[in-house]
Amino acid sequence: QVLFQEVTAFKPDILLVGFGAPKQEFWINDNLSYLNQLGIKYVAGIGGTFDMLAGLVVPAPLFIKSIGLEWIWRFLQEPFTRIRPVAQRLHVVPSLLFQRVFHAKIDSIDFDNE
């Protein structure tokens, strides 16, 4: 509530959200219509950027960035921070797989000819 009061009072054109992924993306999605009503033209989730700028995270070497593997560098620096969100979502995969297979089998049955 305080956050919304401050954003409303400040009336920014750009809002940078630093809650960390995926929390910031969910927050932006949940509040996008309100932020648009305030006249905010651009909203970006940049949680990891604040850590980099503050010197809390050692940036990847340029050769690792150049081959697109910066995510591995960050994972190796903070493996438990990175593993927990992934592990929390893993229970969804078997459920979704079961739903897909079950629905595919149901859809393939021709009830009219039986």
PDB file of N, CA and C in Angstrom:
ATOM      1  N   GLN A   1       0.831  -1.187   0.000  1.00  0.00           N
ATOM      2  CA  GLN A   1       0.000   0.000   0.000  1.00  0.00           C
ATOM      3  C   GLN A   1       0.880   1.257   0.000  1.00  0.00           C
ATOM      4  N   VAL A   2       1.905   1.253   0.837  1.00  0.00           N
ATOM      5  CA  VAL A   2       2.829   2.397   0.902  1.00  0.00           C
ATOM      6  C   VAL A   2       3.539   2.566  -0.438  1.00  0.00           C
ATOM      7  N   LEU A   3       3.895   1.445  -1.037  1.00  0.00           N
ATOM      8  CA  LEU A   3       4.567   1.486  -2.341  1.00  0.00           C
ATOM      9  C   LEU A   3       3.700   2.186  -3.380  1.00  0.00           C
ATOM     10  N   PHE A   4       2.416   1.840  -3.427  1.00  0.00           N
ATOM     11  CA  PHE A   4       1.504   2.476  -4.388  1.00  0.00           C
ATOM     12  C   PHE A   4       1.339   3.959  -4.103  1.00  0.00           C
ATOM     13  N   GLN A   5       1.306   4.339  -2.838  1.00  0.00           N
ATOM     14  CA  GLN A   5       1.193   5.755  -2.483  1.00  0.00           C
ATOM     15  C   GLN A   5       2.413   6.527  -2.964  1.00  0.00           C
ATOM     16  N   GLU A   6       3.591   5.938  -2.779  1.00  0.00           N
ATOM     17  CA  GLU A   6       4.818   6.613  -3.211  1.00  0.00           C
ATOM     18  C   GLU A   6       4.891   6.731  -4.731  1.00  0.00           C
ATOM     19  N   VAL A   7       4.537   5.666  -5.424  1.00  0.00           N
ATOM     20  CA  VAL A   7       4.555   5.698  -6.893  1.00  0.00           C
ATOM     21  C   VAL A   7       3.538   6.716  -7.399  1.00  0.00           C
ATOM     22  N   THR A   8       2.346   6.714  -6.794  1.00  0.00           N
ATOM     23  CA  THR A   8       1.305   7.662  -7.196  1.00  0.00           C
ATOM     24  C   THR A   8       1.753   9.100  -6.962  1.00  0.00           C
ATOM     25  N   ALA A   9       2.391   9.355  -5.837  1.00  0.00           N
ATOM     26  CA  ALA A   9       2.832  10.713  -5.506  1.00  0.00           C
ATOM     27  C   ALA A   9       3.968  11.173  -6.420  1.00  0.00           C
ATOM     28  N   PHE A  10       4.858  10.272  -6.774  1.00  0.00           N
ATOM     29  CA  PHE A  10       6.015  10.631  -7.584  1.00  0.00           C
ATOM     30  C   PHE A  10       5.669  10.785  -9.062  1.00  0.00           C
ATOM     31  N   LYS A  11       4.687  10.020  -9.559  1.00  0.00           N
ATOM     32  CA  LYS A  11       4.236  10.067 -10.956  1.00  0.00           C
ATOM     33  C   LYS A  11       5.385   9.881 -11.963  1.00  0.00           C
ATOM     34  N   PRO A  12       6.076   8.747 -11.892  1.00  0.00           N
ATOM     35  CA  PRO A  12       7.201   8.551 -12.815  1.00  0.00           C
ATOM     36  C   PRO A  12       6.741   8.183 -14.223  1.00  0.00           C
ATOM     37  N   ASP A  13       7.589   8.451 -15.201  1.00  0.00           N
ATOM     38  CA  ASP A  13       7.364   7.971 -16.567  1.00  0.00           C
ATOM     39  C   ASP A  13       7.903   6.558 -16.724  1.00  0.00           C
ATOM     40  N   ILE A  14       8.966   6.261 -15.948  1.00  0.00           N
ATOM     41  CA  ILE A  14       9.628   4.962 -15.997  1.00  0.00           C
ATOM     42  C   ILE A  14       9.657   4.392 -14.586  1.00  0.00           C
ATOM     43  N   LEU A  15       9.299   3.109 -14.447  1.00  0.00           N
ATOM     44  CA  LEU A  15       9.339   2.444 -13.149  1.00  0.00           C
ATOM     45  C   LEU A  15      10.220   1.205 -13.262  1.00  0.00           C
ATOM     46  N   LEU A  16      11.277   1.160 -12.459  1.00  0.00           N
ATOM     47  CA  LEU A  16      12.182   0.020 -12.433  1.00  0.00           C
ATOM     48  C   LEU A  16      11.868  -0.802 -11.186  1.00  0.00           C
ATOM     49  N   VAL A  17      11.529  -2.066 -11.380  1.00  0.00           N
ATOM     50  CA  VAL A  17      11.103  -2.936 -10.289  1.00  0.00           C
ATOM     51  C   VAL A  17      12.225  -3.908  -9.973  1.00  0.00           C
ATOM     52  N   GLY A  18      12.648  -3.936  -8.721  1.00  0.00           N
ATOM     53  CA  GLY A  18      13.772  -4.786  -8.328  1.00  0.00           C
ATOM     54  C   GLY A  18      13.434  -5.785  -7.253  1.00  0.00           C
ATOM     55  N   PHE A  19      12.378  -6.572  -7.432  1.00  0.00           N
ATOM     56  CA  PHE A  19      12.010  -7.590  -6.450  1.00  0.00           C
ATOM     57  C   PHE A  19      12.748  -8.902  -6.675  1.00  0.00           C
ATOM     58  N   GLY A  20      13.346  -9.071  -7.838  1.00  0.00           N
ATOM     59  CA  GLY A  20      13.969 -10.341  -8.198  1.00  0.00           C
ATOM     60  C   GLY A  20      12.984 -11.206  -8.964  1.00  0.00           C
ATOM     61  N   ALA A  21      13.537 -12.016  -9.843  1.00  0.00           N
ATOM     62  CA  ALA A  21      12.690 -12.891 -10.665  1.00  0.00           C
ATOM     63  C   ALA A  21      12.257 -14.093  -9.840  1.00  0.00           C
ATOM     64  N   PRO A  22      11.094 -14.587 -10.032  1.00  0.00           N
ATOM     65  CA  PRO A  22      10.015 -14.139 -10.900  1.00  0.00           C
ATOM     66  C   PRO A  22       9.040 -13.189 -10.199  1.00  0.00           C
ATOM     67  N   LYS A  23       9.327 -12.869  -8.936  1.00  0.00           N
ATOM     68  CA  LYS A  23       8.395 -12.030  -8.158  1.00  0.00           C
ATOM     69  C   LYS A  23       8.113 -10.702  -8.850  1.00  0.00           C
ATOM     70  N   GLN A  24       9.154 -10.063  -9.402  1.00  0.00           N
ATOM     71  CA  GLN A  24       8.952  -8.764 -10.042  1.00  0.00           C
ATOM     72  C   GLN A  24       8.087  -8.879 -11.288  1.00  0.00           C
ATOM     73  N   GLU A  25       8.246  -9.960 -12.043  1.00  0.00           N
ATOM     74  CA  GLU A  25       7.429 -10.139 -13.241  1.00  0.00           C
ATOM     75  C   GLU A  25       5.967 -10.350 -12.884  1.00  0.00           C
ATOM     76  N   PHE A  26       5.705 -11.139 -11.832  1.00  0.00           N
ATOM     77  CA  PHE A  26       4.323 -11.338 -11.383  1.00  0.00           C
ATOM     78  C   PHE A  26       3.724 -10.028 -10.887  1.00  0.00           C
ATOM     79  N   TRP A  27       4.516  -9.257 -10.121  1.00  0.00           N
ATOM     80  CA  TRP A  27       4.027  -7.986  -9.581  1.00  0.00           C
ATOM     81  C   TRP A  27       3.687  -7.021 -10.712  1.00  0.00           C
ATOM     82  N   ILE A  28       4.572  -6.930 -11.693  1.00  0.00           N
ATOM     83  CA  ILE A  28       4.323  -6.043 -12.844  1.00  0.00           C
ATOM     84  C   ILE A  28       3.052  -6.475 -13.565  1.00  0.00           C
ATOM     85  N   ASN A  29       2.923  -7.766 -13.827  1.00  0.00           N
ATOM     86  CA  ASN A  29       1.743  -8.276 -14.529  1.00  0.00           C
ATOM     87  C   ASN A  29       0.463  -8.007 -13.741  1.00  0.00           C
ATOM     88  N   ASP A  30       0.499  -8.238 -12.439  1.00  0.00           N
ATOM     89  CA  ASP A  30      -0.688  -8.041 -11.599  1.00  0.00           C
ATOM     90  C   ASP A  30      -1.097  -6.574 -11.495  1.00  0.00           C
ATOM     91  N   ASN A  31      -0.140  -5.664 -11.630  1.00  0.00           N
ATOM     92  CA  ASN A  31      -0.418  -4.248 -11.404  1.00  0.00           C
ATOM     93  C   ASN A  31      -0.296  -3.385 -12.651  1.00  0.00           C
ATOM     94  N   LEU A  32      -0.165  -4.004 -13.808  1.00  0.00           N
ATOM     95  CA  LEU A  32       0.083  -3.246 -15.033  1.00  0.00           C
ATOM     96  C   LEU A  32      -1.041  -2.272 -15.375  1.00  0.00           C
ATOM     97  N   SER A  33      -2.278  -2.669 -15.199  1.00  0.00           N
ATOM     98  CA  SER A  33      -3.379  -1.753 -15.539  1.00  0.00           C
ATOM     99  C   SER A  33      -3.358  -0.532 -14.623  1.00  0.00           C
ATOM    100  N   TYR A  34      -3.075  -0.730 -13.329  1.00  0.00           N
ATOM    101  CA  TYR A  34      -2.989   0.405 -12.409  1.00  0.00           C
ATOM    102  C   TYR A  34      -1.817   1.313 -12.778  1.00  0.00           C
ATOM    103  N   LEU A  35      -0.686   0.714 -13.116  1.00  0.00           N
ATOM    104  CA  LEU A  35       0.485   1.505 -13.491  1.00  0.00           C
ATOM    105  C   LEU A  35       0.215   2.301 -14.765  1.00  0.00           C
ATOM    106  N   ASN A  36      -0.531   1.711 -15.706  1.00  0.00           N
ATOM    107  CA  ASN A  36      -0.913   2.439 -16.922  1.00  0.00           C
ATOM    108  C   ASN A  36      -1.829   3.613 -16.593  1.00  0.00           C
ATOM    109  N   GLN A  37      -2.748   3.419 -15.653  1.00  0.00           N
ATOM    110  CA  GLN A  37      -3.637   4.503 -15.232  1.00  0.00           C
ATOM    111  C   GLN A  37      -2.855   5.670 -14.639  1.00  0.00           C
ATOM    112  N   LEU A  38      -1.727   5.358 -13.996  1.00  0.00           N
ATOM    113  CA  LEU A  38      -0.891   6.414 -13.428  1.00  0.00           C
ATOM    114  C   LEU A  38      -0.094   7.163 -14.498  1.00  0.00           C
ATOM    115  N   GLY A  39      -0.097   6.629 -15.713  1.00  0.00           N
ATOM    116  CA  GLY A  39       0.629   7.283 -16.799  1.00  0.00           C
ATOM    117  C   GLY A  39       2.076   6.826 -16.929  1.00  0.00           C
ATOM    118  N   ILE A  40       2.407   5.720 -16.286  1.00  0.00           N
ATOM    119  CA  ILE A  40       3.765   5.189 -16.405  1.00  0.00           C
ATOM    120  C   ILE A  40       3.902   4.566 -17.789  1.00  0.00           C
ATOM    121  N   LYS A  41       4.892   5.036 -18.528  1.00  0.00           N
ATOM    122  CA  LYS A  41       5.054   4.614 -19.918  1.00  0.00           C
ATOM    123  C   LYS A  41       5.908   3.361 -20.079  1.00  0.00           C
ATOM    124  N   TYR A  42       6.786   3.098 -19.113  1.00  0.00           N
ATOM    125  CA  TYR A  42       7.699   1.969 -19.235  1.00  0.00           C
ATOM    126  C   TYR A  42       7.926   1.358 -17.861  1.00  0.00           C
ATOM    127  N   VAL A  43       7.749   0.044 -17.747  1.00  0.00           N
ATOM    128  CA  VAL A  43       7.992  -0.692 -16.503  1.00  0.00           C
ATOM    129  C   VAL A  43       8.942  -1.833 -16.834  1.00  0.00           C
ATOM    130  N   ALA A  44       9.997  -1.980 -16.037  1.00  0.00           N
ATOM    131  CA  ALA A  44      10.969  -3.047 -16.298  1.00  0.00           C
ATOM    132  C   ALA A  44      11.379  -3.715 -14.997  1.00  0.00           C
ATOM    133  N   GLY A  45      11.468  -5.032 -15.030  1.00  0.00           N
ATOM    134  CA  GLY A  45      11.989  -5.788 -13.903  1.00  0.00           C
ATOM    135  C   GLY A  45      13.488  -5.927 -14.040  1.00  0.00           C
ATOM    136  N   ILE A  46      14.221  -5.316 -13.112  1.00  0.00           N
ATOM    137  CA  ILE A  46      15.687  -5.306 -13.225  1.00  0.00           C
ATOM    138  C   ILE A  46      16.358  -5.692 -11.915  1.00  0.00           C
ATOM    139  N   GLY A  47      15.783  -6.652 -11.198  1.00  0.00           N
ATOM    140  CA  GLY A  47      16.285  -7.045  -9.885  1.00  0.00           C
ATOM    141  C   GLY A  47      17.768  -7.340  -9.840  1.00  0.00           C
ATOM    142  N   GLY A  48      18.250  -8.165 -10.760  1.00  0.00           N
ATOM    143  CA  GLY A  48      19.659  -8.530 -10.766  1.00  0.00           C
ATOM    144  C   GLY A  48      20.586  -7.379 -11.103  1.00  0.00           C
ATOM    145  N   THR A  49      20.083  -6.405 -11.810  1.00  0.00           N
ATOM    146  CA  THR A  49      20.896  -5.247 -12.202  1.00  0.00           C
ATOM    147  C   THR A  49      21.330  -4.449 -10.983  1.00  0.00           C
ATOM    148  N   PHE A  50      20.442  -4.295 -10.011  1.00  0.00           N
ATOM    149  CA  PHE A  50      20.787  -3.556  -8.794  1.00  0.00           C
ATOM    150  C   PHE A  50      21.946  -4.230  -8.063  1.00  0.00           C
ATOM    151  N   ASP A  51      21.933  -5.564  -7.993  1.00  0.00           N
ATOM    152  CA  ASP A  51      23.025  -6.287  -7.347  1.00  0.00           C
ATOM    153  C   ASP A  51      24.341  -6.067  -8.079  1.00  0.00           C
ATOM    154  N   MET A  52      24.281  -6.056  -9.411  1.00  0.00           N
ATOM    155  CA  MET A  52      25.503  -5.824 -10.206  1.00  0.00           C
ATOM    156  C   MET A  52      26.048  -4.420  -9.967  1.00  0.00           C
ATOM    157  N   LEU A  53      25.157  -3.423 -10.056  1.00  0.00           N
ATOM    158  CA  LEU A  53      25.594  -2.033  -9.893  1.00  0.00           C
ATOM    159  C   LEU A  53      26.127  -1.755  -8.486  1.00  0.00           C
ATOM    160  N   ALA A  54      25.569  -2.439  -7.493  1.00  0.00           N
ATOM    161  CA  ALA A  54      26.004  -2.239  -6.106  1.00  0.00           C
ATOM    162  C   ALA A  54      27.280  -3.013  -5.788  1.00  0.00           C
ATOM    163  N   GLY A  55      27.738  -3.834  -6.733  1.00  0.00           N
ATOM    164  CA  GLY A  55      28.957  -4.601  -6.514  1.00  0.00           C
ATOM    165  C   GLY A  55      28.741  -5.833  -5.650  1.00  0.00           C
ATOM    166  N   LEU A  56      27.509  -6.256  -5.471  1.00  0.00           N
ATOM    167  CA  LEU A  56      27.209  -7.438  -4.664  1.00  0.00           C
ATOM    168  C   LEU A  56      27.435  -8.733  -5.433  1.00  0.00           C
ATOM    169  N   VAL A  57      27.435  -8.641  -6.761  1.00  0.00           N
ATOM    170  CA  VAL A  57      27.635  -9.809  -7.622  1.00  0.00           C
ATOM    171  C   VAL A  57      28.803  -9.504  -8.551  1.00  0.00           C
ATOM    172  N   VAL A  58      29.714 -10.455  -8.662  1.00  0.00           N
ATOM    173  CA  VAL A  58      30.848 -10.292  -9.568  1.00  0.00           C
ATOM    174  C   VAL A  58      30.354 -10.551 -10.989  1.00  0.00           C
ATOM    175  N   PRO A  59      30.533  -9.583 -11.899  1.00  0.00           N
ATOM    176  CA  PRO A  59      30.066  -9.798 -13.272  1.00  0.00           C
ATOM    177  C   PRO A  59      30.869 -10.884 -13.980  1.00  0.00           C
ATOM    178  N   ALA A  60      30.227 -11.517 -14.921  1.00  0.00           N
ATOM    179  CA  ALA A  60      30.896 -12.568 -15.697  1.00  0.00           C
ATOM    180  C   ALA A  60      31.986 -11.954 -16.564  1.00  0.00           C
ATOM    181  N   PRO A  61      33.048 -12.714 -16.820  1.00  0.00           N
ATOM    182  CA  PRO A  61      34.081 -12.237 -17.739  1.00  0.00           C
ATOM    183  C   PRO A  61      33.489 -12.005 -19.131  1.00  0.00           C
ATOM    184  N   LEU A  62      34.098 -11.125 -19.885  1.00  0.00           N
ATOM    185  CA  LEU A  62      33.582 -10.753 -21.197  1.00  0.00           C
ATOM    186  C   LEU A  62      33.446 -11.945 -22.145  1.00  0.00           C
ATOM    187  N   PHE A  63      34.410 -12.890 -22.102  1.00  0.00           N
ATOM    188  CA  PHE A  63      34.303 -14.021 -23.032  1.00  0.00           C
ATOM    189  C   PHE A  63      33.092 -14.892 -22.705  1.00  0.00           C
ATOM    190  N   ILE A  64      32.710 -14.986 -21.439  1.00  0.00           N
ATOM    191  CA  ILE A  64      31.518 -15.762 -21.070  1.00  0.00           C
ATOM    192  C   ILE A  64      30.258 -15.022 -21.526  1.00  0.00           C
ATOM    193  N   LYS A  65      30.261 -13.702 -21.358  1.00  0.00           N
ATOM    194  CA  LYS A  65      29.122 -12.908 -21.837  1.00  0.00           C
ATOM    195  C   LYS A  65      29.004 -13.008 -23.353  1.00  0.00           C
ATOM    196  N   SER A  66      30.139 -12.985 -24.042  1.00  0.00           N
ATOM    197  CA  SER A  66      30.115 -12.963 -25.505  1.00  0.00           C
ATOM    198  C   SER A  66      29.565 -14.251 -26.111  1.00  0.00           C
ATOM    199  N   ILE A  67      29.657 -15.364 -25.379  1.00  0.00           N
ATOM    200  CA  ILE A  67      29.116 -16.620 -25.909  1.00  0.00           C
ATOM    201  C   ILE A  67      27.740 -16.930 -25.310  1.00  0.00           C
ATOM    202  N   GLY A  68      27.172 -15.950 -24.574  1.00  0.00           N
ATOM    203  CA  GLY A  68      25.802 -16.082 -24.083  1.00  0.00           C
ATOM    204  C   GLY A  68      25.629 -17.005 -22.894  1.00  0.00           C
ATOM    205  N   LEU A  69      26.675 -17.182 -22.100  1.00  0.00           N
ATOM    206  CA  LEU A  69      26.589 -18.095 -20.961  1.00  0.00           C
ATOM    207  C   LEU A  69      26.699 -17.391 -19.609  1.00  0.00           C
ATOM    208  N   GLU A  70      26.286 -16.143 -19.562  1.00  0.00           N
ATOM    209  CA  GLU A  70      26.353 -15.409 -18.301  1.00  0.00           C
ATOM    210  C   GLU A  70      25.478 -16.059 -17.226  1.00  0.00           C
ATOM    211  N   TRP A  71      24.387 -16.678 -17.654  1.00  0.00           N
ATOM    212  CA  TRP A  71      23.509 -17.328 -16.690  1.00  0.00           C
ATOM    213  C   TRP A  71      24.226 -18.443 -15.955  1.00  0.00           C
ATOM    214  N   ILE A  72      25.141 -19.167 -16.610  1.00  0.00           N
ATOM    215  CA  ILE A  72      25.904 -20.221 -15.937  1.00  0.00           C
ATOM    216  C   ILE A  72      26.822 -19.617 -14.889  1.00  0.00           C
ATOM    217  N   TRP A  73      27.457 -18.506 -15.225  1.00  0.00           N
ATOM    218  CA  TRP A  73      28.331 -17.804 -14.288  1.00  0.00           C
ATOM    219  C   TRP A  73      27.554 -17.408 -13.038  1.00  0.00           C
ATOM    220  N   ARG A  74      26.380 -16.831 -13.221  1.00  0.00           N
ATOM    221  CA  ARG A  74      25.559 -16.409 -12.076  1.00  0.00           C
ATOM    222  C   ARG A  74      25.084 -17.611 -11.281  1.00  0.00           C
ATOM    223  N   PHE A  75      24.733 -18.686 -11.966  1.00  0.00           N
ATOM    224  CA  PHE A  75      24.295 -19.893 -11.279  1.00  0.00           C
ATOM    225  C   PHE A  75      25.415 -20.440 -10.394  1.00  0.00           C
ATOM    226  N   LEU A  76      26.633 -20.465 -10.920  1.00  0.00           N
ATOM    227  CA  LEU A  76      27.763 -20.989 -10.151  1.00  0.00           C
ATOM    228  C   LEU A  76      28.107 -20.106  -8.958  1.00  0.00           C
ATOM    229  N   GLN A  77      27.838 -18.812  -9.044  1.00  0.00           N
ATOM    230  CA  GLN A  77      28.106 -17.925  -7.917  1.00  0.00           C
ATOM    231  C   GLN A  77      27.087 -18.095  -6.795  1.00  0.00           C
ATOM    232  N   GLU A  78      25.845 -18.380  -7.146  1.00  0.00           N
ATOM    233  CA  GLU A  78      24.782 -18.481  -6.152  1.00  0.00           C
ATOM    234  C   GLU A  78      23.912 -19.704  -6.433  1.00  0.00           C
ATOM    235  N   PRO A  79      24.488 -20.910  -6.357  1.00  0.00           N
ATOM    236  CA  PRO A  79      23.711 -22.082  -6.774  1.00  0.00           C
ATOM    237  C   PRO A  79      22.446 -22.310  -5.948  1.00  0.00           C
ATOM    238  N   PHE A  80      22.499 -22.118  -4.644  1.00  0.00           N
ATOM    239  CA  PHE A  80      21.324 -22.405  -3.826  1.00  0.00           C
ATOM    240  C   PHE A  80      20.236 -21.359  -4.017  1.00  0.00           C
ATOM    241  N   THR A  81      20.628 -20.125  -4.294  1.00  0.00           N
ATOM    242  CA  THR A  81      19.647 -19.084  -4.582  1.00  0.00           C
ATOM    243  C   THR A  81      18.940 -19.379  -5.893  1.00  0.00           C
ATOM    244  N   ARG A  82      19.656 -19.947  -6.843  1.00  0.00           N
ATOM    245  CA  ARG A  82      19.092 -20.238  -8.165  1.00  0.00           C
ATOM    246  C   ARG A  82      18.297 -21.551  -8.175  1.00  0.00           C
ATOM    247  N   ILE A  83      18.721 -22.524  -7.392  1.00  0.00           N
ATOM    248  CA  ILE A  83      18.076 -23.836  -7.412  1.00  0.00           C
ATOM    249  C   ILE A  83      16.703 -23.798  -6.757  1.00  0.00           C
ATOM    250  N   ARG A  84      16.562 -23.070  -5.658  1.00  0.00           N
ATOM    251  CA  ARG A  84      15.306 -23.078  -4.908  1.00  0.00           C
ATOM    252  C   ARG A  84      14.088 -22.708  -5.751  1.00  0.00           C
ATOM    253  N   PRO A  85      14.109 -21.598  -6.516  1.00  0.00           N
ATOM    254  CA  PRO A  85      12.923 -21.281  -7.328  1.00  0.00           C
ATOM    255  C   PRO A  85      12.619 -22.348  -8.378  1.00  0.00           C
ATOM    256  N   VAL A  86      13.653 -22.940  -8.944  1.00  0.00           N
ATOM    257  CA  VAL A  86      13.438 -23.992  -9.944  1.00  0.00           C
ATOM    258  C   VAL A  86      12.819 -25.214  -9.271  1.00  0.00           C
ATOM    259  N   ALA A  87      13.345 -25.595  -8.125  1.00  0.00           N
ATOM    260  CA  ALA A  87      12.832 -26.768  -7.417  1.00  0.00           C
ATOM    261  C   ALA A  87      11.380 -26.564  -6.988  1.00  0.00           C
ATOM    262  N   GLN A  88      11.028 -25.348  -6.634  1.00  0.00           N
ATOM    263  CA  GLN A  88       9.653 -25.072  -6.222  1.00  0.00           C
ATOM    264  C   GLN A  88       8.676 -25.252  -7.369  1.00  0.00           C
ATOM    265  N   ARG A  89       9.139 -25.125  -8.595  1.00  0.00           N
ATOM    266  CA  ARG A  89       8.254 -25.238  -9.749  1.00  0.00           C
ATOM    267  C   ARG A  89       8.273 -26.627 -10.388  1.00  0.00           C
ATOM    268  N   LEU A  90       9.209 -27.473  -9.989  1.00  0.00           N
ATOM    269  CA  LEU A  90       9.336 -28.781 -10.624  1.00  0.00           C
ATOM    270  C   LEU A  90       8.109 -29.668 -10.437  1.00  0.00           C
ATOM    271  N   HIS A  91       7.381 -29.482  -9.356  1.00  0.00           N
ATOM    272  CA  HIS A  91       6.195 -30.315  -9.143  1.00  0.00           C
ATOM    273  C   HIS A  91       5.120 -30.059 -10.205  1.00  0.00           C
ATOM    274  N   VAL A  92       5.206 -28.948 -10.879  1.00  0.00           N
ATOM    275  CA  VAL A  92       4.225 -28.597 -11.899  1.00  0.00           C
ATOM    276  C   VAL A  92       4.429 -29.426 -13.168  1.00  0.00           C
ATOM    277  N   VAL A  93       5.670 -29.778 -13.474  1.00  0.00           N
ATOM    278  CA  VAL A  93       5.979 -30.466 -14.730  1.00  0.00           C
ATOM    279  C   VAL A  93       5.254 -31.810 -14.845  1.00  0.00           C
ATOM    280  N   PRO A  94       5.346 -32.718 -13.848  1.00  0.00           N
ATOM    281  CA  PRO A  94       4.609 -33.987 -14.002  1.00  0.00           C
ATOM    282  C   PRO A  94       3.104 -33.779 -14.135  1.00  0.00           C
ATOM    283  N   SER A  95       2.565 -32.827 -13.411  1.00  0.00           N
ATOM    284  CA  SER A  95       1.134 -32.549 -13.487  1.00  0.00           C
ATOM    285  C   SER A  95       0.733 -32.095 -14.885  1.00  0.00           C
ATOM    286  N   LEU A  96       1.495 -31.163 -15.456  1.00  0.00           N
ATOM    287  CA  LEU A  96       1.194 -30.684 -16.803  1.00  0.00           C
ATOM    288  C   LEU A  96       1.365 -31.788 -17.843  1.00  0.00           C
ATOM    289  N   LEU A  97       2.392 -32.596 -17.675  1.00  0.00           N
ATOM    290  CA  LEU A  97       2.624 -33.703 -18.598  1.00  0.00           C
ATOM    291  C   LEU A  97       1.458 -34.689 -18.546  1.00  0.00           C
ATOM    292  N   PHE A  98       1.013 -35.034 -17.349  1.00  0.00           N
ATOM    293  CA  PHE A  98      -0.117 -35.943 -17.194  1.00  0.00           C
ATOM    294  C   PHE A  98      -1.364 -35.364 -17.858  1.00  0.00           C
ATOM    295  N   GLN A  99      -1.628 -34.087 -17.641  1.00  0.00           N
ATOM    296  CA  GLN A  99      -2.804 -33.450 -18.248  1.00  0.00           C
ATOM    297  C   GLN A  99      -2.734 -33.511 -19.765  1.00  0.00           C
ATOM    298  N   ARG A 100      -1.558 -33.232 -20.325  1.00  0.00           N
ATOM    299  CA  ARG A 100      -1.410 -33.257 -21.788  1.00  0.00           C
ATOM    300  C   ARG A 100      -1.671 -34.643 -22.347  1.00  0.00           C
ATOM    301  N   VAL A 101      -1.052 -35.650 -21.717  1.00  0.00           N
ATOM    302  CA  VAL A 101      -1.196 -37.025 -22.203  1.00  0.00           C
ATOM    303  C   VAL A 101      -2.638 -37.481 -22.027  1.00  0.00           C
ATOM    304  N   PHE A 102      -3.227 -37.221 -20.862  1.00  0.00           N
ATOM    305  CA  PHE A 102      -4.596 -37.650 -20.588  1.00  0.00           C
ATOM    306  C   PHE A 102      -5.577 -37.017 -21.564  1.00  0.00           C
ATOM    307  N   HIS A 103      -5.437 -35.715 -21.787  1.00  0.00           N
ATOM    308  CA  HIS A 103      -6.334 -35.029 -22.719  1.00  0.00           C
ATOM    309  C   HIS A 103      -6.121 -35.508 -24.156  1.00  0.00           C
ATOM    310  N   ALA A 104      -4.897 -35.800 -24.524  1.00  0.00           N
ATOM    311  CA  ALA A 104      -4.624 -36.303 -25.876  1.00  0.00           C
ATOM    312  C   ALA A 104      -5.297 -37.655 -26.078  1.00  0.00           C
ATOM    313  N   LYS A 105      -5.240 -38.525 -25.060  1.00  0.00           N
ATOM    314  CA  LYS A 105      -5.874 -39.835 -25.179  1.00  0.00           C
ATOM    315  C   LYS A 105      -7.393 -39.700 -25.235  1.00  0.00           C
ATOM    316  N   ILE A 106      -7.961 -38.827 -24.418  1.00  0.00           N
ATOM    317  CA  ILE A 106      -9.418 -38.616 -24.416  1.00  0.00           C
ATOM    318  C   ILE A 106      -9.854 -38.037 -25.764  1.00  0.00           C
ATOM    319  N   ASP A 107      -9.086 -37.090 -26.283  1.00  0.00           N
ATOM    320  CA  ASP A 107      -9.440 -36.457 -27.562  1.00  0.00           C
ATOM    321  C   ASP A 107      -9.349 -37.437 -28.725  1.00  0.00           C
ATOM    322  N   SER A 108      -8.490 -38.456 -28.606  1.00  0.00           N
ATOM    323  CA  SER A 108      -8.308 -39.399 -29.711  1.00  0.00           C
ATOM    324  C   SER A 108      -9.382 -40.491 -29.734  1.00  0.00           C
ATOM    325  N   ILE A 109     -10.172 -40.614 -28.673  1.00  0.00           N
ATOM    326  CA  ILE A 109     -11.221 -41.631 -28.633  1.00  0.00           C
ATOM    327  C   ILE A 109     -12.440 -41.125 -29.407  1.00  0.00           C
ATOM    328  N   ASP A 110     -12.925 -41.978 -30.293  1.00  0.00           N
ATOM    329  CA  ASP A 110     -14.101 -41.636 -31.085  1.00  0.00           C
ATOM    330  C   ASP A 110     -15.312 -42.278 -30.403  1.00  0.00           C
ATOM    331  N   PHE A 111     -16.011 -41.486 -29.614  1.00  0.00           N
ATOM    332  CA  PHE A 111     -17.135 -42.004 -28.837  1.00  0.00           C
ATOM    333  C   PHE A 111     -18.336 -42.340 -29.715  1.00  0.00           C
ATOM    334  N   ASP A 112     -18.418 -41.783 -30.890  1.00  0.00           N
ATOM    335  CA  ASP A 112     -19.558 -42.026 -31.774  1.00  0.00           C
ATOM    336  C   ASP A 112     -19.540 -43.420 -32.381  1.00  0.00           C
ATOM    337  N   ASN A 113     -18.349 -43.967 -32.585  1.00  0.00           N
ATOM    338  CA  ASN A 113     -18.238 -45.278 -33.245  1.00  0.00           C
ATOM    339  C   ASN A 113     -18.097 -46.431 -32.266  1.00  0.00           C
ATOM    340  N   GLU A 114     -18.250 -46.184 -31.012  1.00  0.00           N
ATOM    341  CA  GLU A 114     -18.106 -47.289 -30.049  1.00  0.00           C
ATOM    342  C   GLU A 114     -19.427 -47.810 -29.605  1.00  0.00           C
TER     343      GLU A 114
END
